[in-house]
Amino acid sequence: MKELEMPQVNELQGDDNCMETGHPDPPGVKKTDKLPQIMATMAANMIVFSAGTLLTWTSPAAPMLQSHDSPFKVTDREASWVGSLLSLGAAFGGPPFGMLVNKVGRKLAILALSLPITLSWILIVCTTSVTWLYIARFVSGLTLGGVSFVIPIYVAEIVEPCVRGPLSALFQVGFNIGILYAYTVGAAGHYMLLNLMCLAVPILFVLLFIWMPETPQYLLSKGKSAEAAKSLQWLRGRDNNVDHELQQLKEDAETDAKNRGSFKDVLTSPESVKALVISTGLVGFQQLGGICVVLFYTETIFKAVGSTMSASLSSVIVGVVMLIMSFCIMPIMDRAGRRVLLLVSCSFDMLSLLALGLYFFLKEQLQQDVSAISWLPLLCLILYISAYCLGIGPLPWIVMSEVLPPNVKGSVGAIVASFCWITSFILTNSFQTFTDYVGRYCAFWFFALNSGLATLFIYYKVPETKGISLQEIQERLAGKRREISTGSA
C-alpha cells in the first residue's frame, strides 16, 4: 500500500486563513471570533472532566473499601474487577453512541453521555454491595467509551483549522482535571464525599452544554442549511461573513453524501483502510503502553515502592503533573505537529518504563537495598505521565477525528473506541495476576516494549495532519493533492 506523502510546510501553512476550506478568505471577510468556539469546546469537555474522575476513582477508593471502616469490604481480586469493569463498559459504550452521533446528532449524543455516568454515581452512592458496585462501574464505562470519540468529532467539526490543535488538546486537559479532581478529593479519605463530588460534575455539564449549538457539518448532512448557517454564524461570531465557508461546507457535505457507505465499504476504500489502521494502531499502543494500569493502581504502585512519601500525596503529584503537561501541549501542537510529538512521547515513555521496571527488578527479584534510589519510581512516573500527556495521550483521538472519513466517523469511531477499551480491560484485569506470577518489573518492561513498537509504528505509518482542513486530509489519504492558493492570484 502506498504511504501517504508528507506535505511540505508551505502547503500546510501557506496562509493565515483560519477557515476549513483550504482556500484564503475572499476580500472583505473579517477574522472570526474565537470565543464562541472556545466556549463550545470547553462546555463539551466538561463531560470529559467527568469521565476523567472515573479513571482514577479506583486509586483512592480501593484502599478505602479495604479499610476497617469501609461500608463493605472488597478483596484484592474484587478491587481488580472494580477497576477493569470500567474499561469493559467503555468497550460496549462505543457502538450505541456511534449510532447516536449519526442518527440524532453530535449535540444530543454528547448530552446522552451524561446519563450512564450520572446513574453510575447514584448507584455507587447508594450501594453497599460489591455486585452493584460492579454494575455501576460497567455502566459508567458506557460514557467513557462514547466520550473517547464523540467529543473529538464534535470539536473537529466546530473549530477552524488554525485553532483545531490547541482546542482539541482541551480533550486531554478535561481528562486530566478529572483525574486530579478524583486524586485530590480522594486524598481526604472520605468515601462518600468522593462519590458525591464526582456526581456533581455530570450535572454541571448538562447545565452548561445544553446551550451549545449542533455542528454545521451534521446539520448540512441532514439538509438543514438554514440551521447550519445559524450554527456557523454563532461559532464564528455574529459580525463575521460566513457565506464563503458555508458554501465550501455545503460542497463537502454533498461530496460526503455521494460517498456514504457501510463499514464493509470502508474496507474496500484505500484511504479509509489507511485511516482505520492509523486510528486503531494509535489507540491500541496508547493502552498497551500501560496508562490505565498506572492510573487505576497509582496508590498501589507507590505503596509497593515503600517510599516515605504517602501514596495519596504521590498520586496527587502525578495528577498535578498530568494537568500541567496537558496545558503545555496546547501552544506547541500546531507548531511541532502531531507526528513529532507522538514520536517524542513514546520514546520517553519507553525509557521511563524501562527505568521503573529496573527499580522493581532490583527490589523484588534481586532483593537489593534500593533505599538510596527510593525517589526513582516517582521520577519515572512523572516522566512517563509528562511524555504521555505531550503525545500518545491526547493525540490518538485527535488524529482519529481528523483522518476518519466524515461519512463513517460515528460507526468506525465506535469500533476504534471499543478496540481501545477492550485492550484496556484485558490489561487492567490481568495486571494483578500477571504481577503475582512474574513480578511488577516484567509488567513495566512489557509496557516499555510496546512503547518502543509504537514509536516504529508512528514513524512508518502516521502522517502529519496539522493545519490541514478535514476535507484535504481525506484527499491526501486518497493520494490526491488540493492546490492551495497563496492569495497572489
Foldseek 3Di string as FASTA:
>chain_A
DDAQDFDDPCQQPLDPAFFQQLAHDDPPFDFFDQVLLLLLLVLLLLLLLLLLLLLQLLALVQVLQCDPPHLHHDDPLLSLLLLLLLLVLLLVLQQVLLVCCQPVHLLVSSLVLLVQLLVLLVQQLPDSDSVSSSVSSSSNSSSVNNLLFSSLLQSLQLGTQVQSQLSLLVSLLSSLNSLLLLLVQSVVVDNNSSSVVSSVSSVVSCVRNVPAATGLLSCLLVVNLVSSVVNNCSSRDVPGDCVVSSVSSNVLSVVLVVVFDDVVVLVVAQLSVLLLCLLLLLLLLLVLLPPSQCSNHQLVVLVVLVDPDHSSVLSSVLSVLLNVLSNVQSVCCLPVFQLVLLLQLLLQSLVLLLQLLVSFCVCPVVVHDCPVVSVSNSVSSSSNSNSCSRHSPSRSSNSSSQRHRPSSSSPSVSNSSSSSSVSNSVCSSCVVVVCVVVHPSVSSNSSSVSSVVSSVCSVPRPHTDRSHNSVQSSCSSSVHHDDYDSPPD
